[in-house]
Amino acid sequence: MGRDGPRFLAVGHIVKPHGIKGEFLVLPLTDHPQSTYTPGVVLQLGNVDSANPDPDLPTLKLEQVRPYRNGYIASAGGITDRNDSERLRGHYLFREVSALEPLGDGEFFHHQLLGMKVQTSMGTVVGEVTEVYELDPNDILCVQGHEGEIMIPFSKEIVLQVNADEKYIVIDPPDGLLDL
């Protein structure tokens, strides 16, 4: 993929309107939600199946943000009532990659992990990453194997190596993890 990866990354999913003043509930899709969901940040709207924002949709400048359950309640400039926020339902929020915090060593954007092949340190192919779930204390990789889906914690103890260039992940699964 090289350095010229995507210009935008999905950083959140607007679940539904909240209340009547144009606020909306966002589920963050970023490892740095506190720097993304803060007043003044400008986010672009995109549709569910697109990897980029839709230029025909308005940009959102966040005004107020507060934590709520597993996401945030946010308000944005120009979104003043429930009809406005209802139109945002289901959209994804994108942020320019250049505005995101640089990744720490050993950190990966979720879109980089999707589609990677997963194999054990013995070379057994487990399957392909189809989804990444952000959970505490570890993200969970959902891997589609021959027998079905396997959930693999993205932890230092289990994930030995992520090769972003060749798109594979090497794991050392504890006994029983791969038994379906």
Protein backbone atom coordinates (compact mmCIF):
# COMPACT_ATOMS: atom_id res chain seq x y z
CA MET A 1 0.00 0.00 0.00
CA GLY A 2 2.97 2.28 0.56
CA ARG A 3 2.74 5.73 2.04
CA ASP A 4 -0.06 6.87 -0.21
CA GLY A 5 -2.78 5.07 1.67
CA PRO A 6 -6.29 6.40 1.91
CA ARG A 7 -6.72 10.13 2.29
CA PHE A 8 -9.63 9.59 4.63
CA LEU A 9 -10.35 7.09 7.35
CA ALA A 10 -13.68 6.21 8.85
CA VAL A 11 -13.52 7.38 12.45
CA GLY A 12 -17.11 6.88 13.50
CA HIS A 13 -20.61 5.68 12.67
CA ILE A 14 -23.66 7.82 13.35
CA VAL A 15 -26.11 5.46 14.97
CA LYS A 16 -29.17 7.65 15.45
CA PRO A 17 -30.43 11.08 16.43
CA HIS A 18 -30.44 11.92 20.13
CA GLY A 19 -33.07 14.21 21.56
CA ILE A 20 -34.64 17.05 19.62
CA LYS A 21 -31.85 19.61 19.37
CA GLY A 22 -29.93 18.03 16.51
CA GLU A 23 -27.58 15.92 18.59
CA PHE A 24 -26.61 12.46 17.40
CA LEU A 25 -25.08 9.31 18.84
CA VAL A 26 -21.73 8.30 17.35
CA LEU A 27 -19.89 5.03 17.81
CA PRO A 28 -16.16 5.76 17.45
CA LEU A 29 -14.11 3.63 15.07
CA THR A 30 -10.75 5.05 16.06
CA ASP A 31 -8.07 4.27 18.60
CA HIS A 32 -7.91 7.95 19.51
CA PRO A 33 -11.52 8.93 20.06
CA GLN A 34 -10.67 11.65 22.55
CA SER A 35 -8.67 13.62 19.96
CA THR A 36 -11.24 13.01 17.23
CA TYR A 37 -14.40 13.73 19.20
CA THR A 38 -13.60 17.17 20.45
CA PRO A 39 -15.14 20.56 19.62
CA GLY A 40 -13.79 22.17 16.48
CA VAL A 41 -12.85 18.96 14.68
CA VAL A 42 -14.20 18.83 11.13
CA LEU A 43 -15.51 15.48 9.93
CA GLN A 44 -16.81 14.44 6.52
CA LEU A 45 -19.89 12.32 5.96
CA GLY A 46 -19.89 9.17 3.90
CA ASN A 47 -22.20 6.33 3.11
CA VAL A 48 -22.09 2.88 4.57
CA ASP A 49 -20.41 1.16 1.64
CA SER A 50 -17.97 3.86 0.66
CA ALA A 51 -14.33 4.14 1.63
CA ASN A 52 -14.38 7.88 1.11
CA PRO A 53 -16.63 10.72 2.17
CA ASP A 54 -19.40 11.79 -0.17
CA PRO A 55 -18.56 15.25 -1.54
CA ASP A 56 -22.29 15.99 -1.90
CA LEU A 57 -22.85 15.69 1.84
CA PRO A 58 -22.11 18.58 4.19
CA THR A 59 -19.03 18.55 6.38
CA LEU A 60 -19.68 18.51 10.10
CA LYS A 61 -17.83 20.76 12.51
CA LEU A 62 -18.25 19.35 15.98
CA GLU A 63 -19.53 21.82 18.56
CA GLN A 64 -20.26 19.83 21.68
CA VAL A 65 -19.31 16.27 22.48
CA ARG A 66 -19.93 14.21 25.58
CA PRO A 67 -19.26 10.55 26.32
CA TYR A 68 -22.37 8.38 26.31
CA ARG A 69 -22.36 4.63 26.97
CA ASN A 70 -19.96 3.18 24.39
CA GLY A 71 -19.95 6.25 22.18
CA TYR A 72 -20.48 9.98 22.12
CA ILE A 73 -23.39 12.35 21.90
CA ALA A 74 -22.31 15.10 19.53
CA SER A 75 -23.66 18.27 18.02
CA ALA A 76 -22.37 19.97 14.91
CA GLY A 77 -22.75 23.34 13.29
CA GLY A 78 -25.88 23.68 11.19
CA ILE A 79 -27.55 20.58 12.64
CA THR A 80 -30.15 22.18 14.84
CA ASP A 81 -33.12 19.85 15.15
CA ARG A 82 -34.12 16.23 14.99
CA ASN A 83 -34.95 16.37 11.28
CA ASP A 84 -31.38 17.48 10.55
CA SER A 85 -29.85 14.78 12.73
CA GLU A 86 -32.26 12.13 11.39
CA ARG A 87 -30.73 12.66 7.95
CA LEU A 88 -27.33 11.73 9.38
CA ARG A 89 -28.52 8.35 10.67
CA GLY A 90 -26.40 5.46 9.45
CA HIS A 91 -23.70 7.60 7.87
CA TYR A 92 -20.04 7.13 8.56
CA LEU A 93 -17.79 9.94 9.71
CA PHE A 94 -14.47 10.37 7.97
CA ARG A 95 -11.43 12.35 8.93
CA GLU A 96 -8.45 13.24 6.81
CA VAL A 97 -5.62 10.86 7.56
CA SER A 98 -3.25 13.83 7.78
CA ALA A 99 -5.25 15.13 10.76
CA LEU A 100 -5.10 11.87 12.68
CA GLU A 101 -2.57 11.21 15.37
CA PRO A 102 0.40 9.28 14.06
CA LEU A 103 0.33 5.64 14.93
CA GLY A 104 2.46 4.45 17.78
CA ASP A 105 4.84 1.60 17.25
CA GLY A 106 2.88 -1.59 16.75
CA GLU A 107 -0.41 0.21 16.19
CA PHE A 108 -2.44 -0.29 13.07
CA PHE A 109 -5.45 1.35 11.53
CA HIS A 110 -8.30 -1.12 11.47
CA HIS A 111 -8.69 -0.87 7.71
CA GLN A 112 -5.13 -2.16 7.40
CA LEU A 113 -6.01 -5.35 9.29
CA LEU A 114 -9.12 -6.18 7.27
CA GLY A 115 -8.50 -8.86 4.68
CA MET A 116 -5.19 -9.94 6.20
CA LYS A 117 -4.49 -13.65 6.32
CA VAL A 118 -4.06 -15.08 9.79
CA GLN A 119 -1.71 -17.99 10.39
CA THR A 120 -0.17 -19.67 13.40
CA SER A 121 3.52 -19.61 14.15
CA MET A 122 3.58 -23.20 12.84
CA GLY A 123 2.32 -21.95 9.48
CA THR A 124 -1.26 -23.22 9.74
CA VAL A 125 -3.63 -20.85 7.96
CA VAL A 126 -6.48 -19.85 10.25
CA GLY A 127 -8.43 -17.59 7.91
CA GLU A 128 -8.92 -13.97 6.93
CA VAL A 129 -9.74 -10.94 9.09
CA THR A 130 -13.29 -9.80 8.29
CA GLU A 131 -13.92 -7.40 11.16
CA VAL A 132 -12.13 -5.67 14.01
CA TYR A 133 -14.04 -5.03 17.22
CA GLU A 134 -12.79 -2.42 19.65
CA LEU A 135 -13.13 -3.82 23.12
CA ASP A 136 -11.27 -3.49 26.40
CA PRO A 137 -8.63 -4.57 27.14
CA ASN A 138 -7.90 -5.78 23.58
CA ASP A 139 -9.39 -5.31 20.18
CA ILE A 140 -10.83 -8.53 18.82
CA LEU A 141 -10.12 -9.81 15.32
CA CYS A 142 -13.02 -11.63 13.72
CA VAL A 143 -11.42 -14.21 11.45
CA GLN A 144 -13.36 -16.19 8.84
CA GLY A 145 -11.91 -19.67 8.61
CA HIS A 146 -13.00 -22.85 6.84
CA GLU A 147 -15.11 -23.90 9.80
CA GLY A 148 -16.66 -20.53 10.59
CA GLU A 149 -15.79 -17.38 12.46
CA ILE A 150 -13.13 -17.28 15.16
CA MET A 151 -12.65 -14.40 17.56
CA ILE A 152 -8.98 -13.73 18.28
CA PRO A 153 -7.86 -11.16 20.88
CA PHE A 154 -5.41 -8.66 19.37
CA SER A 155 -3.02 -8.91 22.30
CA LYS A 156 0.76 -9.04 22.57
CA GLU A 157 0.54 -12.55 24.00
CA ILE A 158 -1.33 -13.93 20.99
CA VAL A 159 -0.41 -11.74 18.00
CA LEU A 160 3.28 -12.30 17.34
CA GLN A 161 3.64 -10.36 14.13
CA VAL A 162 1.64 -8.14 11.79
CA ASN A 163 3.18 -7.84 8.35
CA ALA A 164 1.39 -4.87 6.81
CA ASP A 165 3.28 -5.09 3.53
CA GLU A 166 2.53 -8.73 2.84
CA LYS A 167 -0.83 -8.58 4.61
CA TYR A 168 -0.59 -11.40 7.09
CA ILE A 169 -0.76 -11.81 10.85
CA VAL A 170 1.07 -14.51 12.80
CA ILE A 171 -0.58 -15.71 16.01
CA ASP A 172 0.36 -18.07 18.80
CA PRO A 173 -3.08 -19.23 19.90
CA PRO A 174 -3.56 -20.56 23.43
CA ASP A 175 -4.96 -24.08 23.64
CA GLY A 176 -8.60 -24.16 22.70
CA LEU A 177 -8.76 -20.77 20.98
CA LEU A 178 -9.11 -22.28 17.52
CA ASP A 179 -11.40 -25.14 18.55
CA LEU A 180 -14.89 -24.51 17.26
